Structure formats: C-alpha cells, structure tokens
Amino acid sequence: MPLTRQIAIALVAAGPLLPVAASAGQTPAHLSYEQFEAAVPHIDLDNCPDSLAQENTFCRASILHEQVHVFVFSYDGDSPMVGFGSFEADGIAALLN
C-alpha cells in the first residue's frame, strides 16, 4: 500500500485520538500540509470552525461516513497540523458559513 494511502487511513482512523495521545505524554506524529495535501481528499474551508479557530492557521475538511473531519494547519514553517476536530455531517452548514 502506498505511503500516502497509509497516512490517509491512519489520519482518519486515529485522528480523534491525537489529542488523547498528546495528553498521555506521547508525541503525535508530525504532519505537514504538503503530506496531507497529497494523501487526504479534502475541501478548503474559507474559515475554520469557531471551536478550532487559531491565529495564523487555515483549515481543510474531509468527509468520511457521516462525519466531517477538520484539520487545522499553521502558516508557519512547513505548515504543520496543529489541531483537529470531528463534526456530525448534519451540522455541515454551520461549518461552511
């Protein structure tokens, strides 16, 4: 299986666990926007959802099953992922405003 496909599967499967891993003293794997762009089908969001908004960041969204997964990337350096959140698909209208 190509590495980019492995990254995509791992992100979707483990995405909700990233904050838990960090709080448990483990360091989540570094993910640059370049890696994400190549591996994960997504849409660009004009604005990040309020619950994920941070200074100097941008957001991308991926839909899997009945959830919208939002990835937050920093504009600094190689644009590392700095946040993540999942939302029920029936709330997508609020995310796209």
PDB file of N, CA and C in Angstrom:
ATOM      1  N   MET A   1       0.848  -1.174   0.000  1.00  0.00           N
ATOM      2  CA  MET A   1       0.000   0.000   0.000  1.00  0.00           C
ATOM      3  C   MET A   1       0.892   1.235   0.000  1.00  0.00           C
ATOM      4  N   PRO A   2       0.646   2.210  -0.882  1.00  0.00           N
ATOM      5  CA  PRO A   2       1.477   3.422  -0.921  1.00  0.00           C
ATOM      6  C   PRO A   2       1.440   4.172   0.414  1.00  0.00           C
ATOM      7  N   LEU A   3       2.540   4.831   0.741  1.00  0.00           N
ATOM      8  CA  LEU A   3       2.652   5.559   1.996  1.00  0.00           C
ATOM      9  C   LEU A   3       1.558   6.607   2.137  1.00  0.00           C
ATOM     10  N   THR A   4       1.235   7.334   1.063  1.00  0.00           N
ATOM     11  CA  THR A   4       0.214   8.379   1.173  1.00  0.00           C
ATOM     12  C   THR A   4      -1.135   7.781   1.545  1.00  0.00           C
ATOM     13  N   ARG A   5      -1.460   6.610   1.033  1.00  0.00           N
ATOM     14  CA  ARG A   5      -2.721   5.941   1.395  1.00  0.00           C
ATOM     15  C   ARG A   5      -2.683   5.513   2.850  1.00  0.00           C
ATOM     16  N   GLN A   6      -1.533   5.031   3.309  1.00  0.00           N
ATOM     17  CA  GLN A   6      -1.391   4.640   4.706  1.00  0.00           C
ATOM     18  C   GLN A   6      -1.583   5.838   5.622  1.00  0.00           C
ATOM     19  N   ILE A   7      -1.020   6.978   5.253  1.00  0.00           N
ATOM     20  CA  ILE A   7      -1.170   8.195   6.056  1.00  0.00           C
ATOM     21  C   ILE A   7      -2.638   8.582   6.119  1.00  0.00           C
ATOM     22  N   ALA A   8      -3.325   8.555   4.978  1.00  0.00           N
ATOM     23  CA  ALA A   8      -4.733   8.936   4.948  1.00  0.00           C
ATOM     24  C   ALA A   8      -5.568   8.034   5.843  1.00  0.00           C
ATOM     25  N   ILE A   9      -5.344   6.729   5.752  1.00  0.00           N
ATOM     26  CA  ILE A   9      -6.104   5.793   6.570  1.00  0.00           C
ATOM     27  C   ILE A   9      -5.794   6.014   8.049  1.00  0.00           C
ATOM     28  N   ALA A  10      -4.529   6.213   8.363  1.00  0.00           N
ATOM     29  CA  ALA A  10      -4.141   6.425   9.757  1.00  0.00           C
ATOM     30  C   ALA A  10      -4.727   7.709  10.314  1.00  0.00           C
ATOM     31  N   LEU A  11      -4.754   8.762   9.523  1.00  0.00           N
ATOM     32  CA  LEU A  11      -5.301  10.034   9.995  1.00  0.00           C
ATOM     33  C   LEU A  11      -6.776   9.928  10.315  1.00  0.00           C
ATOM     34  N   VAL A  12      -7.519   9.328   9.415  1.00  0.00           N
ATOM     35  CA  VAL A  12      -8.955   9.219   9.629  1.00  0.00           C
ATOM     36  C   VAL A  12      -9.247   8.296  10.798  1.00  0.00           C
ATOM     37  N   ALA A  13      -8.516   7.199  10.880  1.00  0.00           N
ATOM     38  CA  ALA A  13      -8.760   6.244  11.951  1.00  0.00           C
ATOM     39  C   ALA A  13      -8.286   6.758  13.314  1.00  0.00           C
ATOM     40  N   ALA A  14      -7.141   7.423  13.335  1.00  0.00           N
ATOM     41  CA  ALA A  14      -6.554   7.840  14.607  1.00  0.00           C
ATOM     42  C   ALA A  14      -6.757   9.312  14.912  1.00  0.00           C
ATOM     43  N   GLY A  15      -7.286  10.063  13.988  1.00  0.00           N
ATOM     44  CA  GLY A  15      -7.452  11.498  14.174  1.00  0.00           C
ATOM     45  C   GLY A  15      -8.063  11.887  15.503  1.00  0.00           C
ATOM     46  N   PRO A  16      -9.206  11.293  15.888  1.00  0.00           N
ATOM     47  CA  PRO A  16      -9.799  11.678  17.165  1.00  0.00           C
ATOM     48  C   PRO A  16      -8.918  11.336  18.365  1.00  0.00           C
ATOM     49  N   LEU A  17      -7.942  10.467  18.193  1.00  0.00           N
ATOM     50  CA  LEU A  17      -7.074  10.074  19.293  1.00  0.00           C
ATOM     51  C   LEU A  17      -5.864  10.969  19.450  1.00  0.00           C
ATOM     52  N   LEU A  18      -5.574  11.826  18.467  1.00  0.00           N
ATOM     53  CA  LEU A  18      -4.373  12.659  18.537  1.00  0.00           C
ATOM     54  C   LEU A  18      -4.311  13.504  19.802  1.00  0.00           C
ATOM     55  N   PRO A  19      -5.376  14.227  20.181  1.00  0.00           N
ATOM     56  CA  PRO A  19      -5.283  14.999  21.420  1.00  0.00           C
ATOM     57  C   PRO A  19      -5.089  14.102  22.639  1.00  0.00           C
ATOM     58  N   VAL A  20      -5.691  12.912  22.650  1.00  0.00           N
ATOM     59  CA  VAL A  20      -5.534  11.987  23.765  1.00  0.00           C
ATOM     60  C   VAL A  20      -4.089  11.523  23.870  1.00  0.00           C
ATOM     61  N   ALA A  21      -3.480  11.189  22.741  1.00  0.00           N
ATOM     62  CA  ALA A  21      -2.089  10.748  22.750  1.00  0.00           C
ATOM     63  C   ALA A  21      -1.182  11.830  23.307  1.00  0.00           C
ATOM     64  N   ALA A  22      -1.425  13.069  22.910  1.00  0.00           N
ATOM     65  CA  ALA A  22      -0.592  14.173  23.393  1.00  0.00           C
ATOM     66  C   ALA A  22      -0.761  14.357  24.891  1.00  0.00           C
ATOM     67  N   SER A  23      -1.987  14.222  25.384  1.00  0.00           N
ATOM     68  CA  SER A  23      -2.214  14.424  26.810  1.00  0.00           C
ATOM     69  C   SER A  23      -1.679  13.261  27.637  1.00  0.00           C
ATOM     70  N   ALA A  24      -1.489  12.109  27.006  1.00  0.00           N
ATOM     71  CA  ALA A  24      -0.957  10.944  27.713  1.00  0.00           C
ATOM     72  C   ALA A  24       0.571  10.938  27.715  1.00  0.00           C
ATOM     73  N   GLY A  25       1.197  12.026  27.271  1.00  0.00           N
ATOM     74  CA  GLY A  25       2.638  12.122  27.277  1.00  0.00           C
ATOM     75  C   GLY A  25       3.299  11.608  26.010  1.00  0.00           C
ATOM     76  N   GLN A  26       2.509  11.206  25.041  1.00  0.00           N
ATOM     77  CA  GLN A  26       3.054  10.750  23.769  1.00  0.00           C
ATOM     78  C   GLN A  26       3.035  11.910  22.791  1.00  0.00           C
ATOM     79  N   THR A  27       3.982  11.928  21.887  1.00  0.00           N
ATOM     80  CA  THR A  27       4.044  12.977  20.880  1.00  0.00           C
ATOM     81  C   THR A  27       3.385  12.487  19.598  1.00  0.00           C
ATOM     82  N   PRO A  28       2.326  13.180  19.135  1.00  0.00           N
ATOM     83  CA  PRO A  28       1.712  12.776  17.868  1.00  0.00           C
ATOM     84  C   PRO A  28       2.709  12.944  16.725  1.00  0.00           C
ATOM     85  N   ALA A  29       2.556  12.142  15.683  1.00  0.00           N
ATOM     86  CA  ALA A  29       3.431  12.240  14.515  1.00  0.00           C
ATOM     87  C   ALA A  29       3.251  13.592  13.840  1.00  0.00           C
ATOM     88  N   HIS A  30       4.342  14.160  13.350  1.00  0.00           N
ATOM     89  CA  HIS A  30       4.311  15.421  12.628  1.00  0.00           C
ATOM     90  C   HIS A  30       3.640  15.197  11.277  1.00  0.00           C
ATOM     91  N   LEU A  31       2.731  16.071  10.910  1.00  0.00           N
ATOM     92  CA  LEU A  31       2.081  16.002   9.607  1.00  0.00           C
ATOM     93  C   LEU A  31       2.120  17.389   8.995  1.00  0.00           C
ATOM     94  N   SER A  32       2.850  17.539   7.898  1.00  0.00           N
ATOM     95  CA  SER A  32       2.899  18.826   7.205  1.00  0.00           C
ATOM     96  C   SER A  32       1.715  18.931   6.257  1.00  0.00           C
ATOM     97  N   TYR A  33       1.388  20.156   5.858  1.00  0.00           N
ATOM     98  CA  TYR A  33       0.296  20.333   4.908  1.00  0.00           C
ATOM     99  C   TYR A  33       0.627  19.668   3.581  1.00  0.00           C
ATOM    100  N   GLU A  34       1.888  19.672   3.181  1.00  0.00           N
ATOM    101  CA  GLU A  34       2.285  19.035   1.926  1.00  0.00           C
ATOM    102  C   GLU A  34       1.949  17.538   1.947  1.00  0.00           C
ATOM    103  N   GLN A  35       2.230  16.870   3.064  1.00  0.00           N
ATOM    104  CA  GLN A  35       1.899  15.450   3.198  1.00  0.00           C
ATOM    105  C   GLN A  35       0.383  15.247   3.172  1.00  0.00           C
ATOM    106  N   PHE A  36      -0.324  16.071   3.923  1.00  0.00           N
ATOM    107  CA  PHE A  36      -1.785  15.987   3.968  1.00  0.00           C
ATOM    108  C   PHE A  36      -2.386  16.206   2.585  1.00  0.00           C
ATOM    109  N   GLU A  37      -1.933  17.239   1.888  1.00  0.00           N
ATOM    110  CA  GLU A  37      -2.443  17.600   0.565  1.00  0.00           C
ATOM    111  C   GLU A  37      -2.336  16.417  -0.400  1.00  0.00           C
ATOM    112  N   ALA A  38      -1.229  15.693  -0.332  1.00  0.00           N
ATOM    113  CA  ALA A  38      -1.007  14.570  -1.238  1.00  0.00           C
ATOM    114  C   ALA A  38      -1.791  13.321  -0.830  1.00  0.00           C
ATOM    115  N   ALA A  39      -2.115  13.177   0.447  1.00  0.00           N
ATOM    116  CA  ALA A  39      -2.676  11.915   0.937  1.00  0.00           C
ATOM    117  C   ALA A  39      -4.163  11.913   1.223  1.00  0.00           C
ATOM    118  N   VAL A  40      -4.742  13.069   1.514  1.00  0.00           N
ATOM    119  CA  VAL A  40      -6.122  13.093   2.003  1.00  0.00           C
ATOM    120  C   VAL A  40      -7.024  13.903   1.074  1.00  0.00           C
ATOM    121  N   PRO A  41      -8.038  13.262   0.479  1.00  0.00           N
ATOM    122  CA  PRO A  41      -9.014  14.027  -0.307  1.00  0.00           C
ATOM    123  C   PRO A  41      -9.724  14.998   0.644  1.00  0.00           C
ATOM    124  N   HIS A  42      -9.833  16.257   0.238  1.00  0.00           N
ATOM    125  CA  HIS A  42     -10.376  17.263   1.154  1.00  0.00           C
ATOM    126  C   HIS A  42     -10.930  18.456   0.391  1.00  0.00           C
ATOM    127  N   ILE A  43     -11.577  19.328   1.148  1.00  0.00           N
ATOM    128  CA  ILE A  43     -12.020  20.615   0.612  1.00  0.00           C
ATOM    129  C   ILE A  43     -11.375  21.709   1.453  1.00  0.00           C
ATOM    130  N   ASP A  44     -11.133  22.853   0.814  1.00  0.00           N
ATOM    131  CA  ASP A  44     -10.590  24.008   1.524  1.00  0.00           C
ATOM    132  C   ASP A  44     -11.733  24.744   2.207  1.00  0.00           C
ATOM    133  N   LEU A  45     -11.539  25.144   3.436  1.00  0.00           N
ATOM    134  CA  LEU A  45     -12.526  25.944   4.150  1.00  0.00           C
ATOM    135  C   LEU A  45     -12.064  27.397   4.157  1.00  0.00           C
ATOM    136  N   ASP A  46     -12.974  28.309   3.870  1.00  0.00           N
ATOM    137  CA  ASP A  46     -12.633  29.726   3.927  1.00  0.00           C
ATOM    138  C   ASP A  46     -12.283  30.154   5.348  1.00  0.00           C
ATOM    139  N   ASN A  47     -12.983  29.577   6.316  1.00  0.00           N
ATOM    140  CA  ASN A  47     -12.763  29.888   7.726  1.00  0.00           C
ATOM    141  C   ASN A  47     -12.782  28.599   8.522  1.00  0.00           C
ATOM    142  N   CYS A  48     -12.020  28.576   9.594  1.00  0.00           N
ATOM    143  CA  CYS A  48     -12.055  27.430  10.491  1.00  0.00           C
ATOM    144  C   CYS A  48     -13.307  27.526  11.362  1.00  0.00           C
ATOM    145  N   PRO A  49     -13.867  26.385  11.763  1.00  0.00           N
ATOM    146  CA  PRO A  49     -14.983  26.429  12.716  1.00  0.00           C
ATOM    147  C   PRO A  49     -14.534  27.162  13.983  1.00  0.00           C
ATOM    148  N   ASP A  50     -15.455  27.866  14.621  1.00  0.00           N
ATOM    149  CA  ASP A  50     -15.108  28.641  15.815  1.00  0.00           C
ATOM    150  C   ASP A  50     -14.374  27.818  16.866  1.00  0.00           C
ATOM    151  N   SER A  51     -14.765  26.562  17.039  1.00  0.00           N
ATOM    152  CA  SER A  51     -14.150  25.720  18.073  1.00  0.00           C
ATOM    153  C   SER A  51     -12.697  25.353  17.757  1.00  0.00           C
ATOM    154  N   LEU A  52     -12.272  25.531  16.500  1.00  0.00           N
ATOM    155  CA  LEU A  52     -10.902  25.193  16.101  1.00  0.00           C
ATOM    156  C   LEU A  52     -10.070  26.398  15.673  1.00  0.00           C
ATOM    157  N   ALA A  53     -10.700  27.548  15.573  1.00  0.00           N
ATOM    158  CA  ALA A  53     -10.014  28.740  15.071  1.00  0.00           C
ATOM    159  C   ALA A  53      -8.836  29.126  15.971  1.00  0.00           C
ATOM    160  N   GLN A  54      -7.710  29.429  15.319  1.00  0.00           N
ATOM    161  CA  GLN A  54      -6.497  29.883  15.993  1.00  0.00           C
ATOM    162  C   GLN A  54      -5.863  30.965  15.133  1.00  0.00           C
ATOM    163  N   GLU A  55      -4.986  31.752  15.715  1.00  0.00           N
ATOM    164  CA  GLU A  55      -4.246  32.752  14.961  1.00  0.00           C
ATOM    165  C   GLU A  55      -3.320  32.075  13.966  1.00  0.00           C
ATOM    166  N   ASN A  56      -3.174  32.668  12.785  1.00  0.00           N
ATOM    167  CA  ASN A  56      -2.183  32.237  11.804  1.00  0.00           C
ATOM    168  C   ASN A  56      -2.365  30.785  11.349  1.00  0.00           C
ATOM    169  N   THR A  57      -3.624  30.368  11.156  1.00  0.00           N
ATOM    170  CA  THR A  57      -3.902  28.997  10.723  1.00  0.00           C
ATOM    171  C   THR A  57      -4.923  28.979   9.587  1.00  0.00           C
ATOM    172  N   PHE A  58      -5.027  27.819   8.940  1.00  0.00           N
ATOM    173  CA  PHE A  58      -6.053  27.584   7.927  1.00  0.00           C
ATOM    174  C   PHE A  58      -6.580  26.168   8.117  1.00  0.00           C
ATOM    175  N   CYS A  59      -7.776  25.902   7.581  1.00  0.00           N
ATOM    176  CA  CYS A  59      -8.426  24.608   7.798  1.00  0.00           C
ATOM    177  C   CYS A  59      -8.801  23.926   6.496  1.00  0.00           C
ATOM    178  N   ARG A  60      -8.784  22.606   6.560  1.00  0.00           N
ATOM    179  CA  ARG A  60      -9.219  21.754   5.459  1.00  0.00           C
ATOM    180  C   ARG A  60     -10.163  20.708   6.050  1.00  0.00           C
ATOM    181  N   ALA A  61     -11.110  20.238   5.242  1.00  0.00           N
ATOM    182  CA  ALA A  61     -12.096  19.280   5.735  1.00  0.00           C
ATOM    183  C   ALA A  61     -12.147  18.053   4.840  1.00  0.00           C
ATOM    184  N   SER A  62     -12.360  16.924   5.478  1.00  0.00           N
ATOM    185  CA  SER A  62     -12.513  15.648   4.792  1.00  0.00           C
ATOM    186  C   SER A  62     -13.787  15.003   5.335  1.00  0.00           C
ATOM    187  N   ILE A  63     -14.537  14.370   4.455  1.00  0.00           N
ATOM    188  CA  ILE A  63     -15.784  13.735   4.871  1.00  0.00           C
ATOM    189  C   ILE A  63     -15.608  12.224   4.795  1.00  0.00           C
ATOM    190  N   LEU A  64     -15.951  11.565   5.877  1.00  0.00           N
ATOM    191  CA  LEU A  64     -15.897  10.111   5.918  1.00  0.00           C
ATOM    192  C   LEU A  64     -17.127   9.631   6.673  1.00  0.00           C
ATOM    193  N   HIS A  65     -17.861   8.746   6.035  1.00  0.00           N
ATOM    194  CA  HIS A  65     -19.108   8.219   6.584  1.00  0.00           C
ATOM    195  C   HIS A  65     -20.033   9.403   6.877  1.00  0.00           C
ATOM    196  N   GLU A  66     -20.444   9.580   8.095  1.00  0.00           N
ATOM    197  CA  GLU A  66     -21.372  10.666   8.414  1.00  0.00           C
ATOM    198  C   GLU A  66     -20.711  11.739   9.267  1.00  0.00           C
ATOM    199  N   GLN A  67     -19.402  11.885   9.114  1.00  0.00           N
ATOM    200  CA  GLN A  67     -18.691  12.903   9.870  1.00  0.00           C
ATOM    201  C   GLN A  67     -17.805  13.747   8.964  1.00  0.00           C
ATOM    202  N   VAL A  68     -17.665  15.005   9.354  1.00  0.00           N
ATOM    203  CA  VAL A  68     -16.757  15.931   8.697  1.00  0.00           C
ATOM    204  C   VAL A  68     -15.559  16.085   9.630  1.00  0.00           C
ATOM    205  N   HIS A  69     -14.372  15.782   9.123  1.00  0.00           N
ATOM    206  CA  HIS A  69     -13.147  15.879   9.915  1.00  0.00           C
ATOM    207  C   HIS A  69     -12.407  17.128   9.458  1.00  0.00           C
ATOM    208  N   VAL A  70     -12.138  18.022  10.397  1.00  0.00           N
ATOM    209  CA  VAL A  70     -11.487  19.292  10.075  1.00  0.00           C
ATOM    210  C   VAL A  70     -10.066  19.274  10.632  1.00  0.00           C
ATOM    211  N   PHE A  71      -9.127  19.571   9.757  1.00  0.00           N
ATOM    212  CA  PHE A  71      -7.702  19.596  10.088  1.00  0.00           C
ATOM    213  C   PHE A  71      -7.241  21.052  10.097  1.00  0.00           C
ATOM    214  N   VAL A  72      -6.516  21.446  11.129  1.00  0.00           N
ATOM    215  CA  VAL A  72      -6.025  22.817  11.271  1.00  0.00           C
ATOM    216  C   VAL A  72      -4.514  22.811  11.045  1.00  0.00           C
ATOM    217  N   PHE A  73      -4.055  23.693  10.165  1.00  0.00           N
ATOM    218  CA  PHE A  73      -2.634  23.796   9.842  1.00  0.00           C
ATOM    219  C   PHE A  73      -2.133  25.207  10.123  1.00  0.00           C
ATOM    220  N   SER A  74      -0.893  25.301  10.580  1.00  0.00           N
ATOM    221  CA  SER A  74      -0.245  26.582  10.821  1.00  0.00           C
ATOM    222  C   SER A  74       0.327  27.114   9.512  1.00  0.00           C
ATOM    223  N   TYR A  75       0.373  28.430   9.384  1.00  0.00           N
ATOM    224  CA  TYR A  75       1.054  29.043   8.244  1.00  0.00           C
ATOM    225  C   TYR A  75       2.575  29.046   8.438  1.00  0.00           C
ATOM    226  N   ASP A  76       3.042  28.741   9.631  1.00  0.00           N
ATOM    227  CA  ASP A  76       4.473  28.774   9.934  1.00  0.00           C
ATOM    228  C   ASP A  76       5.197  27.537   9.403  1.00  0.00           C
ATOM    229  N   GLY A  77       6.486  27.687   9.097  1.00  0.00           N
ATOM    230  CA  GLY A  77       7.344  26.572   8.708  1.00  0.00           C
ATOM    231  C   GLY A  77       6.787  25.776   7.547  1.00  0.00           C
ATOM    232  N   ASP A  78       6.719  24.458   7.720  1.00  0.00           N
ATOM    233  CA  ASP A  78       6.191  23.594   6.658  1.00  0.00           C
ATOM    234  C   ASP A  78       4.688  23.362   6.838  1.00  0.00           C
ATOM    235  N   SER A  79       4.036  24.288   7.523  1.00  0.00           N
ATOM    236  CA  SER A  79       2.586  24.242   7.760  1.00  0.00           C
ATOM    237  C   SER A  79       2.172  22.942   8.451  1.00  0.00           C
ATOM    238  N   PRO A  80       2.661  22.727   9.674  1.00  0.00           N
ATOM    239  CA  PRO A  80       2.297  21.508  10.394  1.00  0.00           C
ATOM    240  C   PRO A  80       0.841  21.527  10.849  1.00  0.00           C
ATOM    241  N   MET A  81       0.275  20.332  11.015  1.00  0.00           N
ATOM    242  CA  MET A  81      -1.068  20.239  11.581  1.00  0.00           C
ATOM    243  C   MET A  81      -0.991  20.597  13.057  1.00  0.00           C
ATOM    244  N   VAL A  82      -1.863  21.497  13.492  1.00  0.00           N
ATOM    245  CA  VAL A  82      -1.844  21.946  14.879  1.00  0.00           C
ATOM    246  C   VAL A  82      -3.177  21.728  15.588  1.00  0.00           C
ATOM    247  N   GLY A  83      -4.149  21.169  14.880  1.00  0.00           N
ATOM    248  CA  GLY A  83      -5.438  20.910  15.502  1.00  0.00           C
ATOM    249  C   GLY A  83      -6.288  20.000  14.644  1.00  0.00           C
ATOM    250  N   PHE A  84      -7.324  19.447  15.271  1.00  0.00           N
ATOM    251  CA  PHE A  84      -8.196  18.510  14.582  1.00  0.00           C
ATOM    252  C   PHE A  84      -9.531  18.459  15.308  1.00  0.00           C
ATOM    253  N   GLY A  85     -10.613  18.315  14.563  1.00  0.00           N
ATOM    254  CA  GLY A  85     -11.924  18.129  15.170  1.00  0.00           C
ATOM    255  C   GLY A  85     -12.841  17.375  14.232  1.00  0.00           C
ATOM    256  N   SER A  86     -13.791  16.649  14.803  1.00  0.00           N
ATOM    257  CA  SER A  86     -14.789  15.923  14.020  1.00  0.00           C
ATOM    258  C   SER A  86     -16.169  16.454  14.351  1.00  0.00           C
ATOM    259  N   PHE A  87     -16.997  16.525  13.333  1.00  0.00           N
ATOM    260  CA  PHE A  87     -18.343  17.060  13.475  1.00  0.00           C
ATOM    261  C   PHE A  87     -19.315  16.152  12.738  1.00  0.00           C
ATOM    262  N   GLU A  88     -20.520  16.033  13.242  1.00  0.00           N
ATOM    263  CA  GLU A  88     -21.549  15.262  12.555  1.00  0.00           C
ATOM    264  C   GLU A  88     -21.879  15.946  11.237  1.00  0.00           C
ATOM    265  N   ALA A  89     -22.079  15.168  10.191  1.00  0.00           N
ATOM    266  CA  ALA A  89     -22.327  15.720   8.853  1.00  0.00           C
ATOM    267  C   ALA A  89     -23.595  16.559   8.803  1.00  0.00           C
ATOM    268  N   ASP A  90     -24.571  16.274   9.655  1.00  0.00           N
ATOM    269  CA  ASP A  90     -25.793  17.074   9.618  1.00  0.00           C
ATOM    270  C   ASP A  90     -25.548  18.508  10.091  1.00  0.00           C
ATOM    271  N   GLY A  91     -24.390  18.789  10.667  1.00  0.00           N
ATOM    272  CA  GLY A  91     -24.025  20.145  11.080  1.00  0.00           C
ATOM    273  C   GLY A  91     -23.098  20.844  10.100  1.00  0.00           C
ATOM    274  N   ILE A  92     -22.989  20.314   8.896  1.00  0.00           N
ATOM    275  CA  ILE A  92     -22.043  20.855   7.919  1.00  0.00           C
ATOM    276  C   ILE A  92     -22.362  22.298   7.518  1.00  0.00           C
ATOM    277  N   ALA A  93     -23.617  22.656   7.491  1.00  0.00           N
ATOM    278  CA  ALA A  93     -23.990  24.029   7.105  1.00  0.00           C
ATOM    279  C   ALA A  93     -23.316  25.056   8.010  1.00  0.00           C
ATOM    280  N   ALA A  94     -23.246  24.770   9.297  1.00  0.00           N
ATOM    281  CA  ALA A  94     -22.606  25.702  10.229  1.00  0.00           C
ATOM    282  C   ALA A  94     -21.113  25.803   9.986  1.00  0.00           C
ATOM    283  N   LEU A  95     -20.483  24.715   9.539  1.00  0.00           N
ATOM    284  CA  LEU A  95     -19.047  24.735   9.269  1.00  0.00           C
ATOM    285  C   LEU A  95     -18.720  25.547   8.018  1.00  0.00           C
ATOM    286  N   LEU A  96     -19.629  25.559   7.062  1.00  0.00           N
ATOM    287  CA  LEU A  96     -19.358  26.201   5.789  1.00  0.00           C
ATOM    288  C   LEU A  96     -19.734  27.674   5.760  1.00  0.00           C
ATOM    289  N   ASN A  97     -20.293  28.203   6.810  1.00  0.00           N
ATOM    290  CA  ASN A  97     -20.655  29.631   6.853  1.00  0.00           C
ATOM    291  C   ASN A  97     -19.438  30.492   7.056  1.00  0.00           C
TER     292      ASN A  97
END
